[in-house]
Structures are given as structure tokens and as C-alpha cells.
PDB file of N, CA and C in Angstrom:
ATOM      1  N   UNK A   1     -12.588 -21.113 -11.415  1.00  0.00           N
ATOM      2  CA  UNK A   1     -11.845 -20.269 -12.338  1.00  0.00           C
ATOM      3  C   UNK A   1     -12.430 -18.858 -12.392  1.00  0.00           C
ATOM      4  N   UNK A   2     -13.730 -18.766 -12.245  1.00  0.00           N
ATOM      5  CA  UNK A   2     -14.395 -17.474 -12.282  1.00  0.00           C
ATOM      6  C   UNK A   2     -13.934 -16.579 -11.119  1.00  0.00           C
ATOM      7  N   UNK A   3     -13.625 -17.206  -9.968  1.00  0.00           N
ATOM      8  CA  UNK A   3     -13.160 -16.433  -8.812  1.00  0.00           C
ATOM      9  C   UNK A   3     -11.817 -15.771  -9.102  1.00  0.00           C
ATOM     10  N   UNK A   4     -10.929 -16.486  -9.810  1.00  0.00           N
ATOM     11  CA  UNK A   4      -9.648 -15.890 -10.176  1.00  0.00           C
ATOM     12  C   UNK A   4      -9.857 -14.733 -11.143  1.00  0.00           C
ATOM     13  N   UNK A   5     -10.765 -14.916 -12.082  1.00  0.00           N
ATOM     14  CA  UNK A   5     -11.065 -13.851 -13.045  1.00  0.00           C
ATOM     15  C   UNK A   5     -11.579 -12.615 -12.309  1.00  0.00           C
ATOM     16  N   UNK A   6     -12.472 -12.819 -11.340  1.00  0.00           N
ATOM     17  CA  UNK A   6     -13.000 -11.699 -10.560  1.00  0.00           C
ATOM     18  C   UNK A   6     -11.907 -11.034  -9.733  1.00  0.00           C
ATOM     19  N   UNK A   7     -11.021 -11.848  -9.158  1.00  0.00           N
ATOM     20  CA  UNK A   7      -9.929 -11.299  -8.348  1.00  0.00           C
ATOM     21  C   UNK A   7      -8.989 -10.450  -9.203  1.00  0.00           C
ATOM     22  N   UNK A   8      -8.631 -10.962 -10.383  1.00  0.00           N
ATOM     23  CA  UNK A   8      -7.754 -10.182 -11.271  1.00  0.00           C
ATOM     24  C   UNK A   8      -8.451  -8.927 -11.761  1.00  0.00           C
ATOM     25  N   UNK A   9      -9.745  -9.026 -12.019  1.00  0.00           N
ATOM     26  CA  UNK A   9     -10.516  -7.851 -12.424  1.00  0.00           C
ATOM     27  C   UNK A   9     -10.467  -6.796 -11.314  1.00  0.00           C
ATOM     28  N   UNK A  10     -10.600  -7.237 -10.059  1.00  0.00           N
ATOM     29  CA  UNK A  10     -10.518  -6.317  -8.930  1.00  0.00           C
ATOM     30  C   UNK A  10      -9.153  -5.655  -8.832  1.00  0.00           C
ATOM     31  N   UNK A  11      -8.097  -6.438  -9.060  1.00  0.00           N
ATOM     32  CA  UNK A  11      -6.746  -5.863  -9.033  1.00  0.00           C
ATOM     33  C   UNK A  11      -6.564  -4.816 -10.118  1.00  0.00           C
ATOM     34  N   UNK A  12      -7.045  -5.117 -11.321  1.00  0.00           N
ATOM     35  CA  UNK A  12      -6.913  -4.144 -12.406  1.00  0.00           C
ATOM     36  C   UNK A  12      -7.711  -2.876 -12.108  1.00  0.00           C
ATOM     37  N   UNK A  13      -8.863  -3.027 -11.466  1.00  0.00           N
ATOM     38  CA  UNK A  13      -9.664  -1.853 -11.109  1.00  0.00           C
ATOM     39  C   UNK A  13      -8.952  -0.997 -10.066  1.00  0.00           C
ATOM     40  N   UNK A  14      -8.376  -1.633  -9.049  1.00  0.00           N
ATOM     41  CA  UNK A  14      -7.762  -0.872  -7.965  1.00  0.00           C
ATOM     42  C   UNK A  14      -6.442  -0.244  -8.401  1.00  0.00           C
ATOM     43  N   UNK A  15      -5.753  -0.846  -9.356  1.00  0.00           N
ATOM     44  CA  UNK A  15      -4.495  -0.277  -9.846  1.00  0.00           C
ATOM     45  C   UNK A  15      -4.736   1.075 -10.518  1.00  0.00           C
ATOM     46  N   UNK A  16      -5.948   1.311 -10.983  1.00  0.00           N
ATOM     47  CA  UNK A  16      -6.279   2.594 -11.614  1.00  0.00           C
ATOM     48  C   UNK A  16      -6.366   3.729 -10.598  1.00  0.00           C
ATOM     49  N   UNK A  17      -6.516   3.388  -9.309  1.00  0.00           N
ATOM     50  CA  UNK A  17      -6.613   4.401  -8.264  1.00  0.00           C
ATOM     51  C   UNK A  17      -5.262   5.095  -8.087  1.00  0.00           C
ATOM     52  N   UNK A  18      -5.280   6.416  -8.014  1.00  0.00           N
ATOM     53  CA  UNK A  18      -4.048   7.210  -7.945  1.00  0.00           C
ATOM     54  C   UNK A  18      -3.187   6.842  -6.727  1.00  0.00           C
ATOM     55  N   UNK A  19      -3.801   6.713  -5.561  1.00  0.00           N
ATOM     56  CA  UNK A  19      -3.040   6.405  -4.342  1.00  0.00           C
ATOM     57  C   UNK A  19      -2.375   5.041  -4.429  1.00  0.00           C
ATOM     58  N   UNK A  20      -3.085   4.074  -4.962  1.00  0.00           N
ATOM     59  CA  UNK A  20      -2.524   2.729  -5.107  1.00  0.00           C
ATOM     60  C   UNK A  20      -1.380   2.760  -6.115  1.00  0.00           C
ATOM     61  N   UNK A  21      -1.565   3.478  -7.216  1.00  0.00           N
ATOM     62  CA  UNK A  21      -0.503   3.613  -8.223  1.00  0.00           C
ATOM     63  C   UNK A  21       0.773   4.181  -7.610  1.00  0.00           C
ATOM     64  N   UNK A  22       0.604   5.217  -6.801  1.00  0.00           N
ATOM     65  CA  UNK A  22       1.762   5.852  -6.170  1.00  0.00           C
ATOM     66  C   UNK A  22       2.499   4.852  -5.283  1.00  0.00           C
ATOM     67  N   UNK A  23       1.756   4.089  -4.483  1.00  0.00           N
ATOM     68  CA  UNK A  23       2.385   3.107  -3.592  1.00  0.00           C
ATOM     69  C   UNK A  23       3.098   2.018  -4.398  1.00  0.00           C
ATOM     70  N   UNK A  24       2.505   1.597  -5.502  1.00  0.00           N
ATOM     71  CA  UNK A  24       3.139   0.577  -6.356  1.00  0.00           C
ATOM     72  C   UNK A  24       4.427   1.119  -6.963  1.00  0.00           C
ATOM     73  N   UNK A  25       4.393   2.345  -7.454  1.00  0.00           N
ATOM     74  CA  UNK A  25       5.586   2.950  -8.056  1.00  0.00           C
ATOM     75  C   UNK A  25       6.697   3.092  -7.018  1.00  0.00           C
ATOM     76  N   UNK A  26       6.349   3.578  -5.829  1.00  0.00           N
ATOM     77  CA  UNK A  26       7.352   3.698  -4.761  1.00  0.00           C
ATOM     78  C   UNK A  26       7.930   2.326  -4.427  1.00  0.00           C
ATOM     79  N   UNK A  27       7.058   1.330  -4.323  1.00  0.00           N
ATOM     80  CA  UNK A  27       7.508  -0.027  -4.028  1.00  0.00           C
ATOM     81  C   UNK A  27       8.453  -0.571  -5.081  1.00  0.00           C
ATOM     82  N   UNK A  28       8.129  -0.342  -6.343  1.00  0.00           N
ATOM     83  CA  UNK A  28       8.997  -0.815  -7.427  1.00  0.00           C
ATOM     84  C   UNK A  28      10.354  -0.115  -7.412  1.00  0.00           C
ATOM     85  N   UNK A  29      10.347   1.173  -7.111  1.00  0.00           N
ATOM     86  CA  UNK A  29      11.612   1.917  -7.012  1.00  0.00           C
ATOM     87  C   UNK A  29      12.470   1.347  -5.881  1.00  0.00           C
ATOM     88  N   UNK A  30      11.862   1.071  -4.758  1.00  0.00           N
ATOM     89  CA  UNK A  30      12.604   0.517  -3.624  1.00  0.00           C
ATOM     90  C   UNK A  30      13.126  -0.880  -3.950  1.00  0.00           C
ATOM     91  N   UNK A  31      12.319  -1.694  -4.641  1.00  0.00           N
ATOM     92  CA  UNK A  31      12.786  -3.028  -5.043  1.00  0.00           C
ATOM     93  C   UNK A  31      13.975  -2.923  -6.001  1.00  0.00           C
ATOM     94  N   UNK A  32      13.881  -1.996  -6.942  1.00  0.00           N
ATOM     95  CA  UNK A  32      14.990  -1.786  -7.880  1.00  0.00           C
ATOM     96  C   UNK A  32      16.248  -1.334  -7.131  1.00  0.00           C
ATOM     97  N   UNK A  33      16.077  -0.404  -6.210  1.00  0.00           N
ATOM     98  CA  UNK A  33      17.183   0.075  -5.373  1.00  0.00           C
ATOM     99  C   UNK A  33      17.801  -1.090  -4.599  1.00  0.00           C
ATOM    100  N   UNK A  34      16.949  -1.978  -4.073  1.00  0.00           N
ATOM    101  CA  UNK A  34      17.426  -3.150  -3.327  1.00  0.00           C
ATOM    102  C   UNK A  34      18.251  -4.075  -4.205  1.00  0.00           C
ATOM    103  N   UNK A  35      17.804  -4.258  -5.441  1.00  0.00           N
ATOM    104  CA  UNK A  35      18.535  -5.122  -6.370  1.00  0.00           C
ATOM    105  C   UNK A  35      19.874  -4.501  -6.765  1.00  0.00           C
ATOM    106  N   UNK A  36      19.874  -3.197  -6.993  1.00  0.00           N
ATOM    107  CA  UNK A  36      21.107  -2.503  -7.359  1.00  0.00           C
ATOM    108  C   UNK A  36      22.135  -2.609  -6.234  1.00  0.00           C
ATOM    109  N   UNK A  37      21.679  -2.464  -4.996  1.00  0.00           N
ATOM    110  CA  UNK A  37      22.579  -2.534  -3.842  1.00  0.00           C
ATOM    111  C   UNK A  37      22.923  -3.969  -3.455  1.00  0.00           C
ATOM    112  N   UNK A  38      22.245  -4.916  -4.071  1.00  0.00           N
ATOM    113  CA  UNK A  38      22.480  -6.344  -3.801  1.00  0.00           C
ATOM    114  C   UNK A  38      22.366  -6.655  -2.308  1.00  0.00           C
ATOM    115  N   UNK A  39      21.217  -6.252  -1.724  1.00  0.00           N
ATOM    116  CA  UNK A  39      21.014  -6.533  -0.304  1.00  0.00           C
ATOM    117  C   UNK A  39      20.819  -8.034  -0.101  1.00  0.00           C
ATOM    118  N   UNK A  40      21.025  -8.476   1.126  1.00  0.00           N
ATOM    119  CA  UNK A  40      20.886  -9.886   1.448  1.00  0.00           C
ATOM    120  C   UNK A  40      19.450 -10.347   1.190  1.00  0.00           C
ATOM    121  N   UNK A  41      19.300 -11.639   0.885  1.00  0.00           N
ATOM    122  CA  UNK A  41      17.988 -12.186   0.547  1.00  0.00           C
ATOM    123  C   UNK A  41      16.990 -12.018   1.690  1.00  0.00           C
ATOM    124  N   UNK A  42      17.446 -12.180   2.922  1.00  0.00           N
ATOM    125  CA  UNK A  42      16.539 -12.017   4.068  1.00  0.00           C
ATOM    126  C   UNK A  42      16.041 -10.575   4.165  1.00  0.00           C
ATOM    127  N   UNK A  43      16.926  -9.620   3.936  1.00  0.00           N
ATOM    128  CA  UNK A  43      16.523  -8.207   3.939  1.00  0.00           C
ATOM    129  C   UNK A  43      15.594  -7.908   2.768  1.00  0.00           C
ATOM    130  N   UNK A  44      15.876  -8.521   1.612  1.00  0.00           N
ATOM    131  CA  UNK A  44      15.026  -8.319   0.437  1.00  0.00           C
ATOM    132  C   UNK A  44      13.612  -8.830   0.708  1.00  0.00           C
ATOM    133  N   UNK A  45      13.514  -9.974   1.352  1.00  0.00           N
ATOM    134  CA  UNK A  45      12.194 -10.538   1.675  1.00  0.00           C
ATOM    135  C   UNK A  45      11.441  -9.617   2.631  1.00  0.00           C
ATOM    136  N   UNK A  46      12.143  -9.069   3.610  1.00  0.00           N
ATOM    137  CA  UNK A  46      11.509  -8.130   4.547  1.00  0.00           C
ATOM    138  C   UNK A  46      11.026  -6.889   3.807  1.00  0.00           C
ATOM    139  N   UNK A  47      11.868  -6.348   2.935  1.00  0.00           N
ATOM    140  CA  UNK A  47      11.476  -5.180   2.133  1.00  0.00           C
ATOM    141  C   UNK A  47      10.240  -5.510   1.296  1.00  0.00           C
ATOM    142  N   UNK A  48      10.257  -6.660   0.652  1.00  0.00           N
ATOM    143  CA  UNK A  48       9.118  -7.085  -0.163  1.00  0.00           C
ATOM    144  C   UNK A  48       7.848  -7.195   0.681  1.00  0.00           C
ATOM    145  N   UNK A  49       7.961  -7.766   1.863  1.00  0.00           N
ATOM    146  CA  UNK A  49       6.797  -7.920   2.745  1.00  0.00           C
ATOM    147  C   UNK A  49       6.220  -6.576   3.186  1.00  0.00           C
ATOM    148  N   UNK A  50       7.079  -5.622   3.546  1.00  0.00           N
ATOM    149  CA  UNK A  50       6.540  -4.334   3.985  1.00  0.00           C
ATOM    150  C   UNK A  50       5.948  -3.545   2.815  1.00  0.00           C
ATOM    151  N   UNK A  51       6.508  -3.722   1.627  1.00  0.00           N
ATOM    152  CA  UNK A  51       5.919  -3.081   0.441  1.00  0.00           C
ATOM    153  C   UNK A  51       4.525  -3.646   0.183  1.00  0.00           C
ATOM    154  N   UNK A  52       4.419  -4.971   0.239  1.00  0.00           N
ATOM    155  CA  UNK A  52       3.110  -5.614   0.039  1.00  0.00           C
ATOM    156  C   UNK A  52       2.132  -5.168   1.122  1.00  0.00           C
ATOM    157  N   UNK A  53       2.618  -5.015   2.360  1.00  0.00           N
ATOM    158  CA  UNK A  53       1.759  -4.570   3.463  1.00  0.00           C
ATOM    159  C   UNK A  53       1.190  -3.176   3.179  1.00  0.00           C
ATOM    160  N   UNK A  54       2.053  -2.253   2.784  1.00  0.00           N
ATOM    161  CA  UNK A  54       1.601  -0.882   2.519  1.00  0.00           C
ATOM    162  C   UNK A  54       0.609  -0.861   1.355  1.00  0.00           C
ATOM    163  N   UNK A  55       0.916  -1.568   0.282  1.00  0.00           N
ATOM    164  CA  UNK A  55       0.008  -1.604  -0.871  1.00  0.00           C
ATOM    165  C   UNK A  55      -1.327  -2.230  -0.478  1.00  0.00           C
ATOM    166  N   UNK A  56      -1.274  -3.294   0.316  1.00  0.00           N
ATOM    167  CA  UNK A  56      -2.515  -3.953   0.755  1.00  0.00           C
ATOM    168  C   UNK A  56      -3.372  -3.013   1.599  1.00  0.00           C
ATOM    169  N   UNK A  57      -2.732  -2.287   2.523  1.00  0.00           N
ATOM    170  CA  UNK A  57      -3.494  -1.341   3.338  1.00  0.00           C
ATOM    171  C   UNK A  57      -4.026  -0.184   2.496  1.00  0.00           C
ATOM    172  N   UNK A  58      -3.297   0.213   1.478  1.00  0.00           N
ATOM    173  CA  UNK A  58      -3.778   1.259   0.579  1.00  0.00           C
ATOM    174  C   UNK A  58      -5.005   0.762  -0.190  1.00  0.00           C
ATOM    175  N   UNK A  59      -4.982  -0.497  -0.592  1.00  0.00           N
ATOM    176  CA  UNK A  59      -6.141  -1.078  -1.276  1.00  0.00           C
ATOM    177  C   UNK A  59      -7.342  -1.128  -0.330  1.00  0.00           C
ATOM    178  N   UNK A  60      -7.121  -1.528   0.926  1.00  0.00           N
ATOM    179  CA  UNK A  60      -8.208  -1.551   1.919  1.00  0.00           C
ATOM    180  C   UNK A  60      -8.746  -0.141   2.131  1.00  0.00           C
ATOM    181  N   UNK A  61      -7.849   0.844   2.206  1.00  0.00           N
ATOM    182  CA  UNK A  61      -8.264   2.234   2.359  1.00  0.00           C
ATOM    183  C   UNK A  61      -9.127   2.681   1.174  1.00  0.00           C
ATOM    184  N   UNK A  62      -8.701   2.334  -0.021  1.00  0.00           N
ATOM    185  CA  UNK A  62      -9.469   2.683  -1.227  1.00  0.00           C
ATOM    186  C   UNK A  62     -10.845   2.028  -1.193  1.00  0.00           C
ATOM    187  N   UNK A  63     -10.880   0.769  -0.785  1.00  0.00           N
ATOM    188  CA  UNK A  63     -12.149   0.052  -0.682  1.00  0.00           C
ATOM    189  C   UNK A  63     -13.087   0.738   0.314  1.00  0.00           C
ATOM    190  N   UNK A  64     -12.562   1.100   1.476  1.00  0.00           N
ATOM    191  CA  UNK A  64     -13.379   1.768   2.491  1.00  0.00           C
ATOM    192  C   UNK A  64     -13.892   3.107   1.977  1.00  0.00           C
ATOM    193  N   UNK A  65     -13.024   3.868   1.302  1.00  0.00           N
ATOM    194  CA  UNK A  65     -13.453   5.156   0.744  1.00  0.00           C
ATOM    195  C   UNK A  65     -14.573   4.973  -0.271  1.00  0.00           C
ATOM    196  N   UNK A  66     -14.430   3.971  -1.150  1.00  0.00           N
ATOM    197  CA  UNK A  66     -15.457   3.727  -2.167  1.00  0.00           C
ATOM    198  C   UNK A  66     -16.773   3.269  -1.536  1.00  0.00           C
ATOM    199  N   UNK A  67     -16.697   2.440  -0.506  1.00  0.00           N
ATOM    200  CA  UNK A  67     -17.917   2.012   0.193  1.00  0.00           C
ATOM    201  C   UNK A  67     -18.610   3.195   0.863  1.00  0.00           C
ATOM    202  N   UNK A  68     -17.821   4.063   1.498  1.00  0.00           N
ATOM    203  CA  UNK A  68     -18.389   5.244   2.132  1.00  0.00           C
ATOM    204  C   UNK A  68     -19.038   6.167   1.107  1.00  0.00           C
ATOM    205  N   UNK A  69     -18.378   6.354  -0.034  1.00  0.00           N
ATOM    206  CA  UNK A  69     -18.932   7.203  -1.089  1.00  0.00           C
ATOM    207  C   UNK A  69     -20.199   6.597  -1.680  1.00  0.00           C
ATOM    208  N   UNK A  70     -20.261   5.275  -1.710  1.00  0.00           N
ATOM    209  CA  UNK A  70     -21.463   4.600  -2.198  1.00  0.00           C
ATOM    210  C   UNK A  70     -22.628   4.856  -1.250  1.00  0.00           C
ATOM    211  N   UNK A  71     -22.315   4.899   0.040  1.00  0.00           N
ATOM    212  CA  UNK A  71     -23.339   5.153   1.057  1.00  0.00           C
ATOM    213  C   UNK A  71     -23.856   6.584   0.960  1.00  0.00           C
ATOM    214  N   UNK A  72     -22.933   7.540   0.847  1.00  0.00           N
ATOM    215  CA  UNK A  72     -23.339   8.941   0.763  1.00  0.00           C
ATOM    216  C   UNK A  72     -22.198   9.781   0.200  1.00  0.00           C
ATOM    217  N   UNK A  73     -22.522  10.649  -0.740  1.00  0.00           N
ATOM    218  CA  UNK A  73     -21.538  11.581  -1.287  1.00  0.00           C
ATOM    219  C   UNK A  73     -21.581  12.915  -0.534  1.00  0.00           C
ATOM    220  N   UNK A  74     -22.615  13.107   0.261  1.00  0.00           N
ATOM    221  CA  UNK A  74     -22.747  14.329   1.050  1.00  0.00           C
ATOM    222  C   UNK A  74     -21.766  14.290   2.216  1.00  0.00           C
ATOM    223  N   UNK A  75     -21.411  15.487   2.709  1.00  0.00           N
ATOM    224  CA  UNK A  75     -20.519  15.535   3.870  1.00  0.00           C
ATOM    225  C   UNK A  75     -21.206  14.870   5.057  1.00  0.00           C
ATOM    226  N   UNK A  76     -20.451  13.998   5.709  1.00  0.00           N
ATOM    227  CA  UNK A  76     -20.970  13.271   6.863  1.00  0.00           C
ATOM    228  C   UNK A  76     -19.794  13.100   7.825  1.00  0.00           C
ATOM    229  N   UNK A  77     -19.930  13.627   9.029  1.00  0.00           N
ATOM    230  CA  UNK A  77     -18.834  13.600   9.995  1.00  0.00           C
ATOM    231  C   UNK A  77     -18.406  12.166  10.317  1.00  0.00           C
ATOM    232  N   UNK A  78     -19.345  11.260  10.434  1.00  0.00           N
ATOM    233  CA  UNK A  78     -19.003   9.872  10.755  1.00  0.00           C
ATOM    234  C   UNK A  78     -18.246   9.215   9.599  1.00  0.00           C
ATOM    235  N   UNK A  79     -18.643   9.498   8.369  1.00  0.00           N
ATOM    236  CA  UNK A  79     -17.926   8.969   7.209  1.00  0.00           C
ATOM    237  C   UNK A  79     -16.525   9.559   7.149  1.00  0.00           C
ATOM    238  N   UNK A  80     -16.399  10.846   7.466  1.00  0.00           N
ATOM    239  CA  UNK A  80     -15.070  11.469   7.499  1.00  0.00           C
ATOM    240  C   UNK A  80     -14.176  10.763   8.508  1.00  0.00           C
ATOM    241  N   UNK A  81     -14.724  10.456   9.682  1.00  0.00           N
ATOM    242  CA  UNK A  81     -13.947   9.751  10.712  1.00  0.00           C
ATOM    243  C   UNK A  81     -13.505   8.375  10.208  1.00  0.00           C
ATOM    244  N   UNK A  82     -14.412   7.657   9.553  1.00  0.00           N
ATOM    245  CA  UNK A  82     -14.088   6.333   9.018  1.00  0.00           C
ATOM    246  C   UNK A  82     -12.968   6.439   7.991  1.00  0.00           C
ATOM    247  N   UNK A  83     -13.078   7.403   7.084  1.00  0.00           N
ATOM    248  CA  UNK A  83     -12.040   7.595   6.066  1.00  0.00           C
ATOM    249  C   UNK A  83     -10.709   8.003   6.685  1.00  0.00           C
ATOM    250  N   UNK A  84     -10.748   8.865   7.705  1.00  0.00           N
ATOM    251  CA  UNK A  84      -9.522   9.299   8.375  1.00  0.00           C
ATOM    252  C   UNK A  84      -8.843   8.127   9.090  1.00  0.00           C
ATOM    253  N   UNK A  85      -9.632   7.287   9.743  1.00  0.00           N
ATOM    254  CA  UNK A  85      -9.076   6.117  10.426  1.00  0.00           C
ATOM    255  C   UNK A  85      -8.427   5.180   9.408  1.00  0.00           C
ATOM    256  N   UNK A  86      -9.104   4.989   8.292  1.00  0.00           N
ATOM    257  CA  UNK A  86      -8.574   4.127   7.239  1.00  0.00           C
ATOM    258  C   UNK A  86      -7.271   4.696   6.673  1.00  0.00           C
ATOM    259  N   UNK A  87      -7.220   5.995   6.468  1.00  0.00           N
ATOM    260  CA  UNK A  87      -5.987   6.638   5.990  1.00  0.00           C
ATOM    261  C   UNK A  87      -4.892   6.527   7.044  1.00  0.00           C
ATOM    262  N   UNK A  88      -5.265   6.588   8.311  1.00  0.00           N
ATOM    263  CA  UNK A  88      -4.300   6.432   9.389  1.00  0.00           C
ATOM    264  C   UNK A  88      -3.640   5.066   9.368  1.00  0.00           C
ATOM    265  N   UNK A  89      -4.399   4.046   8.999  1.00  0.00           N
ATOM    266  CA  UNK A  89      -3.842   2.700   8.866  1.00  0.00           C
ATOM    267  C   UNK A  89      -2.726   2.677   7.829  1.00  0.00           C
ATOM    268  N   UNK A  90      -2.956   3.327   6.707  1.00  0.00           N
ATOM    269  CA  UNK A  90      -1.932   3.400   5.658  1.00  0.00           C
ATOM    270  C   UNK A  90      -0.718   4.175   6.169  1.00  0.00           C
ATOM    271  N   UNK A  91      -0.961   5.262   6.867  1.00  0.00           N
ATOM    272  CA  UNK A  91       0.140   6.071   7.393  1.00  0.00           C
ATOM    273  C   UNK A  91       1.001   5.275   8.371  1.00  0.00           C
ATOM    274  N   UNK A  92       0.364   4.538   9.277  1.00  0.00           N
ATOM    275  CA  UNK A  92       1.119   3.727  10.232  1.00  0.00           C
ATOM    276  C   UNK A  92       1.973   2.693   9.504  1.00  0.00           C
ATOM    277  N   UNK A  93       1.391   2.042   8.497  1.00  0.00           N
ATOM    278  CA  UNK A  93       2.156   1.028   7.758  1.00  0.00           C
ATOM    279  C   UNK A  93       3.306   1.667   6.980  1.00  0.00           C
ATOM    280  N   UNK A  94       3.086   2.860   6.444  1.00  0.00           N
ATOM    281  CA  UNK A  94       4.142   3.555   5.703  1.00  0.00           C
ATOM    282  C   UNK A  94       5.277   3.975   6.639  1.00  0.00           C
ATOM    283  N   UNK A  95       4.941   4.460   7.827  1.00  0.00           N
ATOM    284  CA  UNK A  95       5.966   4.843   8.796  1.00  0.00           C
ATOM    285  C   UNK A  95       6.758   3.619   9.239  1.00  0.00           C
ATOM    286  N   UNK A  96       6.056   2.525   9.520  1.00  0.00           N
ATOM    287  CA  UNK A  96       6.714   1.272   9.899  1.00  0.00           C
ATOM    288  C   UNK A  96       7.659   0.821   8.787  1.00  0.00           C
ATOM    289  N   UNK A  97       7.197   0.896   7.543  1.00  0.00           N
ATOM    290  CA  UNK A  97       8.026   0.506   6.401  1.00  0.00           C
ATOM    291  C   UNK A  97       9.249   1.394   6.269  1.00  0.00           C
ATOM    292  N   UNK A  98       9.075   2.676   6.497  1.00  0.00           N
ATOM    293  CA  UNK A  98      10.197   3.612   6.439  1.00  0.00           C
ATOM    294  C   UNK A  98      11.252   3.257   7.492  1.00  0.00           C
ATOM    295  N   UNK A  99      10.797   2.952   8.696  1.00  0.00           N
ATOM    296  CA  UNK A  99      11.726   2.576   9.769  1.00  0.00           C
ATOM    297  C   UNK A  99      12.489   1.308   9.381  1.00  0.00           C
ATOM    298  N   UNK A 100      11.775   0.314   8.873  1.00  0.00           N
ATOM    299  CA  UNK A 100      12.410  -0.936   8.445  1.00  0.00           C
ATOM    300  C   UNK A 100      13.426  -0.641   7.328  1.00  0.00           C
ATOM    301  N   UNK A 101      13.015   0.184   6.355  1.00  0.00           N
ATOM    302  CA  UNK A 101      13.905   0.529   5.248  1.00  0.00           C
ATOM    303  C   UNK A 101      15.174   1.217   5.717  1.00  0.00           C
ATOM    304  N   UNK A 102      15.027   2.163   6.649  1.00  0.00           N
ATOM    305  CA  UNK A 102      16.192   2.879   7.184  1.00  0.00           C
ATOM    306  C   UNK A 102      17.131   1.896   7.881  1.00  0.00           C
ATOM    307  N   UNK A 103      16.568   0.993   8.669  1.00  0.00           N
ATOM    308  CA  UNK A 103      17.402   0.014   9.384  1.00  0.00           C
ATOM    309  C   UNK A 103      18.145  -0.911   8.413  1.00  0.00           C
ATOM    310  N   UNK A 104      17.500  -1.282   7.329  1.00  0.00           N
ATOM    311  CA  UNK A 104      18.138  -2.185   6.352  1.00  0.00           C
ATOM    312  C   UNK A 104      19.149  -1.438   5.494  1.00  0.00           C
ATOM    313  N   UNK A 105      18.792  -0.241   5.026  1.00  0.00           N
ATOM    314  CA  UNK A 105      19.654   0.469   4.083  1.00  0.00           C
ATOM    315  C   UNK A 105      20.722   1.330   4.747  1.00  0.00           C
ATOM    316  N   UNK A 106      20.687   1.483   6.064  1.00  0.00           N
ATOM    317  CA  UNK A 106      21.668   2.361   6.722  1.00  0.00           C
ATOM    318  C   UNK A 106      23.099   1.882   6.535  1.00  0.00           C
ATOM    319  N   UNK A 107      23.295   0.614   6.344  1.00  0.00           N
ATOM    320  CA  UNK A 107      24.667   0.108   6.146  1.00  0.00           C
ATOM    321  C   UNK A 107      25.240   0.486   4.781  1.00  0.00           C
ATOM    322  N   UNK A 108      24.386   0.993   3.878  1.00  0.00           N
ATOM    323  CA  UNK A 108      24.833   1.402   2.551  1.00  0.00           C
ATOM    324  C   UNK A 108      25.091   2.901   2.465  1.00  0.00           C
ATOM    325  N   UNK A 109      24.782   3.609   3.533  1.00  0.00           N
ATOM    326  CA  UNK A 109      24.924   5.064   3.523  1.00  0.00           C
ATOM    327  C   UNK A 109      26.260   5.474   4.092  1.00  0.00           C
TER     328      UNK A 109
END
């Protein structure tokens, strides 16, 4: 039971991060849009999965940034590279999600 408590505590901590908040808000808006348009259940599941993917990668990015900052707050080229690579992961997932969204929602335009 303690593991669940720790996991929920971690979720509440990460939700306070600005980048994660933004991804959650965007995801909720897209889910609401999906419900309003009454998209097919299979498309809704795909939308839900890509939203979860982007949020998960944003959480991983936040974790990597916090670990790097814990290691050193001073400018460090290697830490910058690590943070940039981590941000790139989020960008790739966001672009992939955008492509999926366009393919699903294009029939409503």
C-alpha cells in the first residue's frame, strides 16, 4: 500500500511542473473535443494513448531535468546535451501525436 501512496505522491509532485500541466491541459482539451465530435471508440482510444504517451514523455523529461539539476546547477555542456535530448523525445512524441490527430480529425474538417 505504501508503494501506491508513493506513486500518487510522485504524480501530485509532477503535476505541479509547468510543462506537465500544459500537456495535461492540452490533452484534456483534445479529449473534450473528441467527445463533442463523437469520434469512433477506436479513434478515441488512439487519441487517449497518444495523449498518455506525450504526458509520460514529458514526465520523463522533467525527471531527467531534475536529476541533472541535482547533479549540478552550473552550466555544463554535457548536461545541456542530456536535457536537449530529453526535450527532443517530447518533441518527437508531440509531432507524432499531431500527425495522428490530423489523420483522425481530418474527416470533421
